[in-house]
């Protein structure tokens, strides 16, 4: 017998942001933390979302074997707070090779 799952759809107006740069070159190319923060703030403001907390990992690679303290804190927070959105500037900021 197939199990039926109940799906709860929540509309959350609370968000967490995740920002990351891995090199000084990215900062000069417009991917700096300040640029990412402004773009994410604008994105959230247009939707009426409230930013609860900003997590960041400056100077950290997105490869899976690199420890990113901000990312780990963000994941722990999201496990506890399931009624929020996560916003990040680009998939490449979230994790390396995540588009494949």
N, C-alpha and C. Protein backbone atom coordinates (compact mmCIF):
# COMPACT_ATOMS: atom_id res chain seq x y z
N UNK A 1 0.84 -1.18 0.00
CA UNK A 1 0.00 0.00 0.00
C UNK A 1 0.89 1.25 0.00
N UNK A 2 0.56 2.16 -0.88
CA UNK A 2 1.33 3.38 -1.01
C UNK A 2 0.99 4.35 0.12
N UNK A 3 2.04 4.94 0.69
CA UNK A 3 1.86 5.89 1.77
C UNK A 3 1.46 7.26 1.23
N UNK A 4 0.52 7.91 1.86
CA UNK A 4 0.13 9.26 1.47
C UNK A 4 0.79 10.26 2.42
N UNK A 5 1.30 11.32 1.84
CA UNK A 5 1.95 12.35 2.63
C UNK A 5 1.11 13.61 2.62
N UNK A 6 1.04 14.24 3.76
CA UNK A 6 0.39 15.53 3.85
C UNK A 6 1.42 16.60 3.54
N UNK A 7 1.07 17.49 2.65
CA UNK A 7 1.97 18.58 2.29
C UNK A 7 1.41 19.86 2.85
N UNK A 8 2.24 20.56 3.61
CA UNK A 8 1.85 21.86 4.15
C UNK A 8 2.59 22.93 3.37
N UNK A 9 1.84 23.83 2.82
CA UNK A 9 2.45 24.95 2.12
C UNK A 9 2.40 26.16 3.04
N UNK A 10 3.56 26.69 3.30
CA UNK A 10 3.66 27.86 4.17
C UNK A 10 4.14 29.04 3.35
N UNK A 11 3.53 30.15 3.57
CA UNK A 11 3.99 31.37 2.93
C UNK A 11 4.75 32.15 3.99
N UNK A 12 6.06 32.16 3.83
CA UNK A 12 6.91 32.80 4.82
C UNK A 12 7.36 34.16 4.33
N UNK A 13 7.30 35.15 5.20
CA UNK A 13 7.81 36.46 4.82
C UNK A 13 9.12 36.76 5.55
N UNK A 14 9.63 35.79 6.26
CA UNK A 14 10.90 35.91 6.97
C UNK A 14 11.97 35.22 6.14
N UNK A 15 13.15 35.83 6.06
CA UNK A 15 14.21 35.23 5.25
C UNK A 15 15.56 35.29 5.96
N UNK A 16 16.39 34.35 5.58
CA UNK A 16 17.79 34.35 5.95
C UNK A 16 18.59 34.56 4.67
N UNK A 17 19.68 35.31 4.77
CA UNK A 17 20.54 35.53 3.62
C UNK A 17 21.84 34.76 3.80
N UNK A 18 22.39 34.27 2.69
CA UNK A 18 23.72 33.66 2.71
C UNK A 18 24.58 34.32 1.64
N UNK A 19 25.72 34.85 2.07
CA UNK A 19 26.66 35.55 1.20
C UNK A 19 28.01 34.86 1.27
N UNK A 20 28.72 34.82 0.12
CA UNK A 20 30.05 34.21 0.12
C UNK A 20 30.88 34.76 -1.02
N UNK A 21 32.14 35.02 -0.73
CA UNK A 21 33.13 35.30 -1.77
C UNK A 21 34.35 34.44 -1.48
N UNK A 22 34.97 33.96 -2.56
CA UNK A 22 36.12 33.09 -2.35
C UNK A 22 37.44 33.78 -2.65
N UNK A 23 37.41 34.93 -3.33
CA UNK A 23 38.67 35.58 -3.67
C UNK A 23 38.49 37.09 -3.81
N UNK A 24 39.63 37.80 -3.78
CA UNK A 24 39.62 39.24 -3.99
C UNK A 24 39.16 39.60 -5.39
N UNK A 25 39.43 38.73 -6.35
CA UNK A 25 39.01 38.97 -7.74
C UNK A 25 37.50 39.06 -7.84
N UNK A 26 36.79 38.22 -7.11
CA UNK A 26 35.33 38.27 -7.14
C UNK A 26 34.82 39.59 -6.60
N UNK A 27 35.49 40.13 -5.62
CA UNK A 27 35.08 41.42 -5.06
C UNK A 27 35.15 42.48 -6.14
N UNK A 28 36.25 42.49 -6.90
CA UNK A 28 36.42 43.51 -7.94
C UNK A 28 35.50 43.28 -9.13
N UNK A 29 35.02 42.06 -9.32
CA UNK A 29 34.12 41.73 -10.42
C UNK A 29 32.65 42.01 -10.08
N UNK A 30 32.40 42.59 -8.91
CA UNK A 30 31.02 42.91 -8.54
C UNK A 30 30.32 41.83 -7.74
N UNK A 31 31.05 40.82 -7.32
CA UNK A 31 30.44 39.75 -6.52
C UNK A 31 30.81 39.87 -5.05
N UNK A 32 31.28 41.04 -4.65
CA UNK A 32 31.67 41.23 -3.26
C UNK A 32 30.49 41.09 -2.31
N UNK A 33 30.81 40.94 -1.04
CA UNK A 33 29.76 40.76 -0.03
C UNK A 33 28.79 41.94 -0.01
N UNK A 34 29.33 43.17 -0.13
CA UNK A 34 28.45 44.34 -0.12
C UNK A 34 27.48 44.33 -1.31
N UNK A 35 27.99 43.96 -2.49
CA UNK A 35 27.14 43.90 -3.69
C UNK A 35 26.07 42.83 -3.53
N UNK A 36 26.47 41.68 -3.02
CA UNK A 36 25.52 40.59 -2.82
C UNK A 36 24.46 40.99 -1.81
N UNK A 37 24.89 41.63 -0.73
CA UNK A 37 23.95 42.05 0.32
C UNK A 37 22.93 43.03 -0.24
N UNK A 38 23.39 44.04 -0.97
CA UNK A 38 22.47 45.03 -1.54
C UNK A 38 21.46 44.38 -2.49
N UNK A 39 21.94 43.49 -3.34
CA UNK A 39 21.04 42.82 -4.30
C UNK A 39 20.01 41.97 -3.56
N UNK A 40 20.44 41.26 -2.53
CA UNK A 40 19.51 40.41 -1.77
C UNK A 40 18.52 41.25 -0.98
N UNK A 41 18.99 42.36 -0.41
CA UNK A 41 18.09 43.24 0.33
C UNK A 41 17.01 43.81 -0.60
N UNK A 42 17.42 44.21 -1.79
CA UNK A 42 16.47 44.75 -2.76
C UNK A 42 15.45 43.69 -3.18
N UNK A 43 15.92 42.49 -3.43
CA UNK A 43 15.07 41.36 -3.79
C UNK A 43 14.01 41.13 -2.71
N UNK A 44 14.44 41.12 -1.46
CA UNK A 44 13.53 40.87 -0.34
C UNK A 44 12.55 42.02 -0.14
N UNK A 45 13.05 43.24 -0.26
CA UNK A 45 12.20 44.42 -0.08
C UNK A 45 11.06 44.44 -1.09
N UNK A 46 11.34 44.07 -2.32
CA UNK A 46 10.31 44.05 -3.37
C UNK A 46 9.20 43.06 -3.05
N UNK A 47 9.51 42.05 -2.27
CA UNK A 47 8.54 41.01 -1.92
C UNK A 47 7.94 41.20 -0.53
N UNK A 48 8.40 42.21 0.18
CA UNK A 48 7.89 42.46 1.52
C UNK A 48 8.43 41.48 2.55
N UNK A 49 9.57 40.88 2.26
CA UNK A 49 10.16 39.91 3.17
C UNK A 49 11.06 40.61 4.19
N UNK A 50 11.07 40.08 5.40
CA UNK A 50 11.87 40.62 6.48
C UNK A 50 13.12 39.75 6.66
N UNK A 51 14.28 40.38 6.61
CA UNK A 51 15.54 39.64 6.78
C UNK A 51 15.76 39.42 8.27
N UNK A 52 15.84 38.16 8.66
CA UNK A 52 16.02 37.79 10.06
C UNK A 52 17.49 37.79 10.43
N UNK A 53 18.33 37.23 9.56
CA UNK A 53 19.75 37.13 9.85
C UNK A 53 20.52 36.95 8.54
N UNK A 54 21.76 37.44 8.55
CA UNK A 54 22.63 37.32 7.39
C UNK A 54 23.82 36.44 7.79
N UNK A 55 24.05 35.39 7.03
CA UNK A 55 25.19 34.51 7.23
C UNK A 55 26.17 34.75 6.09
N UNK A 56 27.47 34.74 6.39
CA UNK A 56 28.43 34.96 5.32
C UNK A 56 29.71 34.17 5.56
N UNK A 57 30.39 33.92 4.47
CA UNK A 57 31.69 33.25 4.49
C UNK A 57 32.64 34.00 3.56
N UNK A 58 33.26 35.06 4.05
CA UNK A 58 34.20 35.79 3.21
C UNK A 58 35.49 35.01 3.01
N UNK A 59 35.97 34.97 1.79
CA UNK A 59 37.23 34.30 1.50
C UNK A 59 37.18 32.79 1.59
N UNK A 60 36.00 32.19 1.41
CA UNK A 60 35.86 30.73 1.50
C UNK A 60 35.42 30.17 0.17
N UNK A 61 36.05 29.09 -0.24
CA UNK A 61 35.65 28.41 -1.46
C UNK A 61 34.32 27.70 -1.25
N UNK A 62 33.63 27.44 -2.35
CA UNK A 62 32.34 26.76 -2.29
C UNK A 62 32.45 25.25 -2.41
N UNK A 63 33.67 24.73 -2.52
CA UNK A 63 33.82 23.28 -2.63
C UNK A 63 33.35 22.60 -1.36
N UNK A 64 32.81 21.42 -1.50
CA UNK A 64 32.20 20.69 -0.38
C UNK A 64 33.18 20.37 0.75
N UNK A 65 34.46 20.19 0.42
CA UNK A 65 35.42 19.80 1.45
C UNK A 65 36.03 21.00 2.19
N UNK A 66 35.58 22.20 1.89
CA UNK A 66 36.06 23.40 2.56
C UNK A 66 35.09 23.75 3.67
N UNK A 67 35.62 23.93 4.86
CA UNK A 67 34.73 24.27 5.98
C UNK A 67 34.31 25.72 5.88
N UNK A 68 33.01 25.92 5.90
CA UNK A 68 32.43 27.26 5.84
C UNK A 68 31.58 27.46 7.09
N UNK A 69 32.12 28.15 8.09
CA UNK A 69 31.40 28.32 9.36
C UNK A 69 30.03 29.00 9.20
N UNK A 70 29.95 30.02 8.36
CA UNK A 70 28.67 30.70 8.15
C UNK A 70 27.63 29.76 7.55
N UNK A 71 28.06 28.94 6.60
CA UNK A 71 27.16 27.98 5.97
C UNK A 71 26.66 26.97 7.00
N UNK A 72 27.55 26.48 7.85
CA UNK A 72 27.15 25.50 8.88
C UNK A 72 26.17 26.11 9.88
N UNK A 73 26.42 27.36 10.30
CA UNK A 73 25.48 28.04 11.21
C UNK A 73 24.13 28.24 10.54
N UNK A 74 24.16 28.60 9.25
CA UNK A 74 22.92 28.81 8.51
C UNK A 74 22.11 27.51 8.44
N UNK A 75 22.77 26.41 8.10
CA UNK A 75 22.07 25.13 8.00
C UNK A 75 21.47 24.72 9.34
N UNK A 76 22.21 24.92 10.42
CA UNK A 76 21.69 24.59 11.75
C UNK A 76 20.46 25.45 12.08
N UNK A 77 20.51 26.71 11.72
CA UNK A 77 19.39 27.62 11.96
C UNK A 77 18.17 27.20 11.15
N UNK A 78 18.39 26.88 9.86
CA UNK A 78 17.28 26.49 9.00
C UNK A 78 16.63 25.17 9.43
N UNK A 79 17.41 24.29 10.03
CA UNK A 79 16.83 23.03 10.54
C UNK A 79 15.85 23.31 11.68
N UNK A 80 16.12 24.37 12.45
CA UNK A 80 15.26 24.73 13.57
C UNK A 80 14.09 25.61 13.13
N UNK A 81 14.33 26.45 12.13
CA UNK A 81 13.32 27.41 11.69
C UNK A 81 12.88 27.05 10.27
N UNK A 82 11.87 26.20 10.18
CA UNK A 82 11.38 25.71 8.88
C UNK A 82 10.41 26.67 8.21
N UNK A 83 10.05 27.74 8.90
CA UNK A 83 9.08 28.68 8.34
C UNK A 83 9.77 29.97 7.89
N UNK A 84 10.78 29.80 7.04
CA UNK A 84 11.51 30.95 6.53
C UNK A 84 12.06 30.60 5.15
N UNK A 85 12.38 31.64 4.39
CA UNK A 85 13.00 31.46 3.09
C UNK A 85 14.50 31.67 3.21
N UNK A 86 15.23 31.13 2.26
CA UNK A 86 16.67 31.34 2.17
C UNK A 86 16.92 32.07 0.85
N UNK A 87 17.67 33.15 0.93
CA UNK A 87 18.00 33.94 -0.26
C UNK A 87 19.51 34.02 -0.37
N UNK A 88 20.01 33.79 -1.59
CA UNK A 88 21.43 33.97 -1.86
C UNK A 88 21.57 34.55 -3.25
N UNK A 89 22.67 35.23 -3.50
CA UNK A 89 22.85 36.01 -4.72
C UNK A 89 22.85 35.16 -5.98
N UNK A 90 23.50 34.02 -5.93
CA UNK A 90 23.67 33.17 -7.09
C UNK A 90 23.97 31.76 -6.59
N UNK A 91 23.57 30.76 -7.36
CA UNK A 91 23.84 29.39 -6.94
C UNK A 91 25.32 29.15 -6.69
N UNK A 92 26.18 29.83 -7.43
CA UNK A 92 27.61 29.63 -7.24
C UNK A 92 28.07 30.16 -5.88
N UNK A 93 27.30 31.05 -5.26
CA UNK A 93 27.64 31.54 -3.92
C UNK A 93 27.24 30.51 -2.88
N UNK A 94 26.22 29.75 -3.18
CA UNK A 94 25.72 28.75 -2.24
C UNK A 94 26.65 27.55 -2.18
N UNK A 95 27.04 27.04 -3.34
CA UNK A 95 27.94 25.88 -3.39
C UNK A 95 28.57 25.79 -4.78
N UNK A 96 29.76 25.32 -4.84
CA UNK A 96 30.47 25.16 -6.11
C UNK A 96 29.87 24.02 -6.91
N UNK A 97 29.74 24.19 -8.21
CA UNK A 97 29.21 23.21 -9.15
C UNK A 97 27.80 22.77 -8.82
N UNK A 98 27.00 23.66 -8.24
CA UNK A 98 25.64 23.29 -7.85
C UNK A 98 24.68 23.30 -9.04
N UNK A 99 25.09 23.84 -10.17
CA UNK A 99 24.21 23.89 -11.32
C UNK A 99 24.28 22.63 -12.16
N UNK A 100 25.21 21.75 -11.89
CA UNK A 100 25.37 20.52 -12.68
C UNK A 100 24.44 19.43 -12.21
